Amino acid sequence: MSQFKKLDEAEVLYQEGLKKISQPATVKVWEAIFEQPITNAEQLKKIIGLPPSIVRKAIRQLTDLNMIFGDDRQRNRRYYQYDLIRVMNS
C-alpha cells in the first residue's frame, strides 16, 4: 500500500473517531494517540500536558467506545490503537 493511501486511511480513521467524542480532553488524547499508537497514560500526559486524572478519564472513554484497547496489566497499562497500527503496517 502506498504511503499516500496509508495517510488517507489514517485521516479517515481519525475523523471517524472525532465524530464519536465531544469532550475536549478526550479529543486531545485521541490526537495524541495518532502520534503514538502504542502508549500509556504517563506518555499521554507528557504529550498533551493535562493532569493524570483527566488523561485517565479520557482513556476510559476511548476504551469504552472500543477506540483503543488496553493490555491486562494492573500498573503502567499500555493502550493500543490497533486500527492505526494495522493501516501503518499494511
N, C-alpha and C. Protein backbone atom coordinates (compact mmCIF):
# COMPACT_ATOMS: atom_id res chain seq x y z
N MET A 1 0.85 -1.18 0.00
CA MET A 1 0.00 0.00 0.00
C MET A 1 0.90 1.24 0.00
N SER A 2 0.54 2.23 -0.81
CA SER A 2 1.36 3.44 -0.89
C SER A 2 1.25 4.26 0.40
N GLN A 3 2.25 5.08 0.61
CA GLN A 3 2.27 5.94 1.80
C GLN A 3 1.08 6.90 1.79
N PHE A 4 0.72 7.38 0.59
CA PHE A 4 -0.41 8.31 0.50
C PHE A 4 -1.71 7.63 0.89
N LYS A 5 -1.89 6.40 0.45
CA LYS A 5 -3.10 5.64 0.80
C LYS A 5 -3.15 5.41 2.31
N LYS A 6 -2.00 5.10 2.90
CA LYS A 6 -1.94 4.91 4.35
C LYS A 6 -2.35 6.19 5.08
N LEU A 7 -1.82 7.31 4.62
CA LEU A 7 -2.16 8.59 5.25
C LEU A 7 -3.64 8.90 5.09
N ASP A 8 -4.19 8.62 3.92
CA ASP A 8 -5.62 8.84 3.71
C ASP A 8 -6.46 7.98 4.65
N GLU A 9 -6.08 6.71 4.79
CA GLU A 9 -6.83 5.81 5.68
C GLU A 9 -6.70 6.25 7.13
N ALA A 10 -5.51 6.71 7.52
CA ALA A 10 -5.32 7.20 8.89
C ALA A 10 -6.18 8.43 9.14
N GLU A 11 -6.27 9.31 8.15
CA GLU A 11 -7.09 10.52 8.28
C GLU A 11 -8.57 10.16 8.43
N VAL A 12 -9.04 9.20 7.65
CA VAL A 12 -10.43 8.75 7.75
C VAL A 12 -10.69 8.18 9.14
N LEU A 13 -9.77 7.36 9.62
CA LEU A 13 -9.89 6.76 10.95
C LEU A 13 -9.95 7.85 12.02
N TYR A 14 -9.09 8.84 11.90
CA TYR A 14 -9.06 9.95 12.86
C TYR A 14 -10.40 10.71 12.85
N GLN A 15 -10.88 11.06 11.66
CA GLN A 15 -12.12 11.82 11.54
C GLN A 15 -13.33 11.03 12.05
N GLU A 16 -13.37 9.73 11.75
CA GLU A 16 -14.46 8.89 12.26
C GLU A 16 -14.46 8.86 13.78
N GLY A 17 -13.26 8.81 14.37
CA GLY A 17 -13.15 8.83 15.81
C GLY A 17 -13.65 10.13 16.41
N LEU A 18 -13.32 11.24 15.77
CA LEU A 18 -13.76 12.54 16.28
C LEU A 18 -15.28 12.65 16.35
N LYS A 19 -15.97 11.98 15.44
CA LYS A 19 -17.44 12.02 15.43
C LYS A 19 -18.03 11.35 16.66
N LYS A 20 -17.27 10.47 17.30
CA LYS A 20 -17.78 9.71 18.45
C LYS A 20 -17.52 10.39 19.78
N ILE A 21 -16.66 11.41 19.79
CA ILE A 21 -16.27 12.03 21.06
C ILE A 21 -16.54 13.54 21.02
N SER A 22 -16.79 14.09 22.21
CA SER A 22 -17.07 15.53 22.27
C SER A 22 -16.28 16.25 23.35
N GLN A 23 -15.80 15.53 24.34
CA GLN A 23 -15.05 16.17 25.43
C GLN A 23 -13.69 16.66 24.90
N PRO A 24 -13.32 17.91 25.16
CA PRO A 24 -12.05 18.44 24.67
C PRO A 24 -10.83 17.62 25.10
N ALA A 25 -10.82 17.14 26.33
CA ALA A 25 -9.68 16.35 26.80
C ALA A 25 -9.60 15.02 26.06
N THR A 26 -10.74 14.42 25.78
CA THR A 26 -10.76 13.16 25.05
C THR A 26 -10.29 13.37 23.62
N VAL A 27 -10.65 14.50 23.03
CA VAL A 27 -10.17 14.83 21.68
C VAL A 27 -8.65 14.96 21.70
N LYS A 28 -8.10 15.62 22.72
CA LYS A 28 -6.64 15.77 22.81
C LYS A 28 -5.95 14.41 22.94
N VAL A 29 -6.52 13.53 23.75
CA VAL A 29 -5.94 12.20 23.90
C VAL A 29 -6.02 11.45 22.58
N TRP A 30 -7.15 11.55 21.89
CA TRP A 30 -7.32 10.89 20.59
C TRP A 30 -6.26 11.39 19.60
N GLU A 31 -6.02 12.70 19.58
CA GLU A 31 -4.99 13.27 18.71
C GLU A 31 -3.61 12.72 19.06
N ALA A 32 -3.32 12.67 20.35
CA ALA A 32 -2.01 12.19 20.80
C ALA A 32 -1.79 10.72 20.44
N ILE A 33 -2.85 9.95 20.45
CA ILE A 33 -2.73 8.53 20.11
C ILE A 33 -2.33 8.36 18.65
N PHE A 34 -2.65 9.33 17.81
CA PHE A 34 -2.22 9.25 16.42
C PHE A 34 -0.74 9.61 16.27
N GLU A 35 -0.17 10.25 17.26
CA GLU A 35 1.28 10.46 17.29
C GLU A 35 1.98 9.22 17.81
N GLN A 36 1.34 8.55 18.74
CA GLN A 36 1.94 7.39 19.41
C GLN A 36 0.86 6.33 19.62
N PRO A 37 0.64 5.44 18.63
CA PRO A 37 -0.47 4.49 18.71
C PRO A 37 -0.31 3.37 19.74
N ILE A 38 0.89 3.22 20.28
CA ILE A 38 1.11 2.32 21.42
C ILE A 38 1.64 3.22 22.53
N THR A 39 0.88 3.37 23.59
CA THR A 39 1.22 4.37 24.59
C THR A 39 0.71 3.97 25.96
N ASN A 40 0.99 4.80 26.95
CA ASN A 40 0.42 4.61 28.29
C ASN A 40 0.00 5.98 28.81
N ALA A 41 -0.64 5.99 29.95
CA ALA A 41 -1.19 7.24 30.49
C ALA A 41 -0.09 8.27 30.76
N GLU A 42 1.05 7.82 31.23
CA GLU A 42 2.15 8.73 31.53
C GLU A 42 2.66 9.41 30.25
N GLN A 43 2.82 8.64 29.20
CA GLN A 43 3.27 9.22 27.93
C GLN A 43 2.25 10.22 27.38
N LEU A 44 0.98 9.86 27.48
CA LEU A 44 -0.07 10.78 27.00
C LEU A 44 -0.07 12.06 27.82
N LYS A 45 0.11 11.94 29.12
CA LYS A 45 0.15 13.12 29.99
C LYS A 45 1.27 14.06 29.54
N LYS A 46 2.43 13.50 29.21
CA LYS A 46 3.57 14.32 28.76
C LYS A 46 3.30 14.97 27.41
N ILE A 47 2.65 14.24 26.52
CA ILE A 47 2.38 14.77 25.18
C ILE A 47 1.38 15.92 25.24
N ILE A 48 0.30 15.76 26.00
CA ILE A 48 -0.77 16.77 25.95
C ILE A 48 -0.78 17.72 27.14
N GLY A 49 -0.05 17.39 28.20
CA GLY A 49 0.08 18.32 29.31
C GLY A 49 -1.15 18.49 30.18
N LEU A 50 -1.99 17.48 30.24
CA LEU A 50 -3.16 17.53 31.12
C LEU A 50 -2.90 16.72 32.38
N PRO A 51 -3.62 17.01 33.46
CA PRO A 51 -3.44 16.25 34.70
C PRO A 51 -3.76 14.76 34.50
N PRO A 52 -3.08 13.90 35.27
CA PRO A 52 -3.27 12.45 35.12
C PRO A 52 -4.72 11.99 35.25
N SER A 53 -5.48 12.59 36.16
CA SER A 53 -6.88 12.16 36.34
C SER A 53 -7.71 12.42 35.08
N ILE A 54 -7.47 13.53 34.42
CA ILE A 54 -8.21 13.86 33.20
C ILE A 54 -7.79 12.93 32.07
N VAL A 55 -6.49 12.66 31.98
CA VAL A 55 -5.99 11.74 30.95
C VAL A 55 -6.61 10.36 31.14
N ARG A 56 -6.63 9.88 32.38
CA ARG A 56 -7.20 8.55 32.65
C ARG A 56 -8.69 8.50 32.31
N LYS A 57 -9.41 9.58 32.61
CA LYS A 57 -10.83 9.62 32.29
C LYS A 57 -11.04 9.57 30.77
N ALA A 58 -10.23 10.30 30.04
CA ALA A 58 -10.33 10.30 28.57
C ALA A 58 -9.98 8.92 28.01
N ILE A 59 -8.96 8.28 28.57
CA ILE A 59 -8.60 6.92 28.15
C ILE A 59 -9.76 5.98 28.39
N ARG A 60 -10.39 6.11 29.55
CA ARG A 60 -11.53 5.25 29.87
C ARG A 60 -12.66 5.44 28.86
N GLN A 61 -12.93 6.69 28.48
CA GLN A 61 -13.97 6.95 27.48
C GLN A 61 -13.62 6.30 26.14
N LEU A 62 -12.36 6.41 25.73
CA LEU A 62 -11.96 5.82 24.46
C LEU A 62 -11.99 4.30 24.49
N THR A 63 -11.64 3.71 25.63
CA THR A 63 -11.72 2.25 25.72
C THR A 63 -13.17 1.79 25.78
N ASP A 64 -14.03 2.54 26.45
CA ASP A 64 -15.46 2.19 26.49
C ASP A 64 -16.08 2.23 25.10
N LEU A 65 -15.57 3.11 24.24
CA LEU A 65 -16.06 3.21 22.87
C LEU A 65 -15.35 2.24 21.92
N ASN A 66 -14.45 1.42 22.47
CA ASN A 66 -13.66 0.47 21.67
C ASN A 66 -12.83 1.17 20.60
N MET A 67 -12.34 2.36 20.93
CA MET A 67 -11.49 3.09 20.00
C MET A 67 -10.02 2.80 20.28
N ILE A 68 -9.71 2.47 21.53
CA ILE A 68 -8.38 1.99 21.91
C ILE A 68 -8.57 0.80 22.84
N PHE A 69 -7.51 0.03 23.00
CA PHE A 69 -7.60 -1.18 23.82
C PHE A 69 -6.40 -1.24 24.73
N GLY A 70 -6.64 -1.60 26.00
CA GLY A 70 -5.57 -1.72 26.97
C GLY A 70 -5.14 -3.16 27.15
N ASP A 71 -3.90 -3.33 27.62
CA ASP A 71 -3.45 -4.68 27.94
C ASP A 71 -3.96 -5.07 29.32
N ASP A 72 -3.54 -6.21 29.82
CA ASP A 72 -4.09 -6.74 31.07
C ASP A 72 -3.31 -6.33 32.32
N ARG A 73 -2.35 -5.46 32.16
CA ARG A 73 -1.55 -5.04 33.32
C ARG A 73 -2.38 -4.23 34.30
N GLN A 74 -2.02 -4.33 35.57
CA GLN A 74 -2.67 -3.50 36.59
C GLN A 74 -2.02 -2.12 36.66
N ARG A 75 -0.70 -2.08 36.47
CA ARG A 75 0.05 -0.83 36.53
C ARG A 75 0.75 -0.61 35.20
N ASN A 76 0.95 0.66 34.87
CA ASN A 76 1.63 1.02 33.62
C ASN A 76 0.99 0.35 32.40
N ARG A 77 -0.31 0.31 32.40
CA ARG A 77 -1.05 -0.32 31.31
C ARG A 77 -0.75 0.38 29.98
N ARG A 78 -0.54 -0.42 28.97
CA ARG A 78 -0.34 0.12 27.62
C ARG A 78 -1.67 0.11 26.89
N TYR A 79 -1.83 1.10 26.03
CA TYR A 79 -3.04 1.22 25.22
C TYR A 79 -2.64 1.20 23.75
N TYR A 80 -3.49 0.56 22.95
CA TYR A 80 -3.18 0.33 21.55
C TYR A 80 -4.31 0.85 20.67
N GLN A 81 -3.95 1.51 19.60
CA GLN A 81 -4.92 1.90 18.58
C GLN A 81 -4.66 0.94 17.40
N TYR A 82 -5.27 -0.24 17.51
CA TYR A 82 -4.98 -1.32 16.56
C TYR A 82 -5.31 -0.96 15.12
N ASP A 83 -6.36 -0.21 14.88
CA ASP A 83 -6.72 0.13 13.51
C ASP A 83 -5.62 0.97 12.85
N LEU A 84 -5.07 1.92 13.58
CA LEU A 84 -3.99 2.74 13.04
C LEU A 84 -2.73 1.90 12.84
N ILE A 85 -2.42 1.04 13.78
CA ILE A 85 -1.25 0.17 13.64
C ILE A 85 -1.41 -0.71 12.40
N ARG A 86 -2.60 -1.23 12.20
CA ARG A 86 -2.87 -2.09 11.03
C ARG A 86 -2.67 -1.31 9.73
N VAL A 87 -3.17 -0.07 9.68
CA VAL A 87 -3.01 0.75 8.48
C VAL A 87 -1.53 1.00 8.20
N MET A 88 -0.78 1.35 9.21
CA MET A 88 0.63 1.68 9.01
C MET A 88 1.48 0.46 8.66
N ASN A 89 1.07 -0.71 9.09
CA ASN A 89 1.84 -1.92 8.81
C ASN A 89 1.44 -2.60 7.50
N SER A 90 0.38 -2.13 6.86
CA SER A 90 -0.07 -2.82 5.64
C SER A 90 0.71 -2.36 4.42
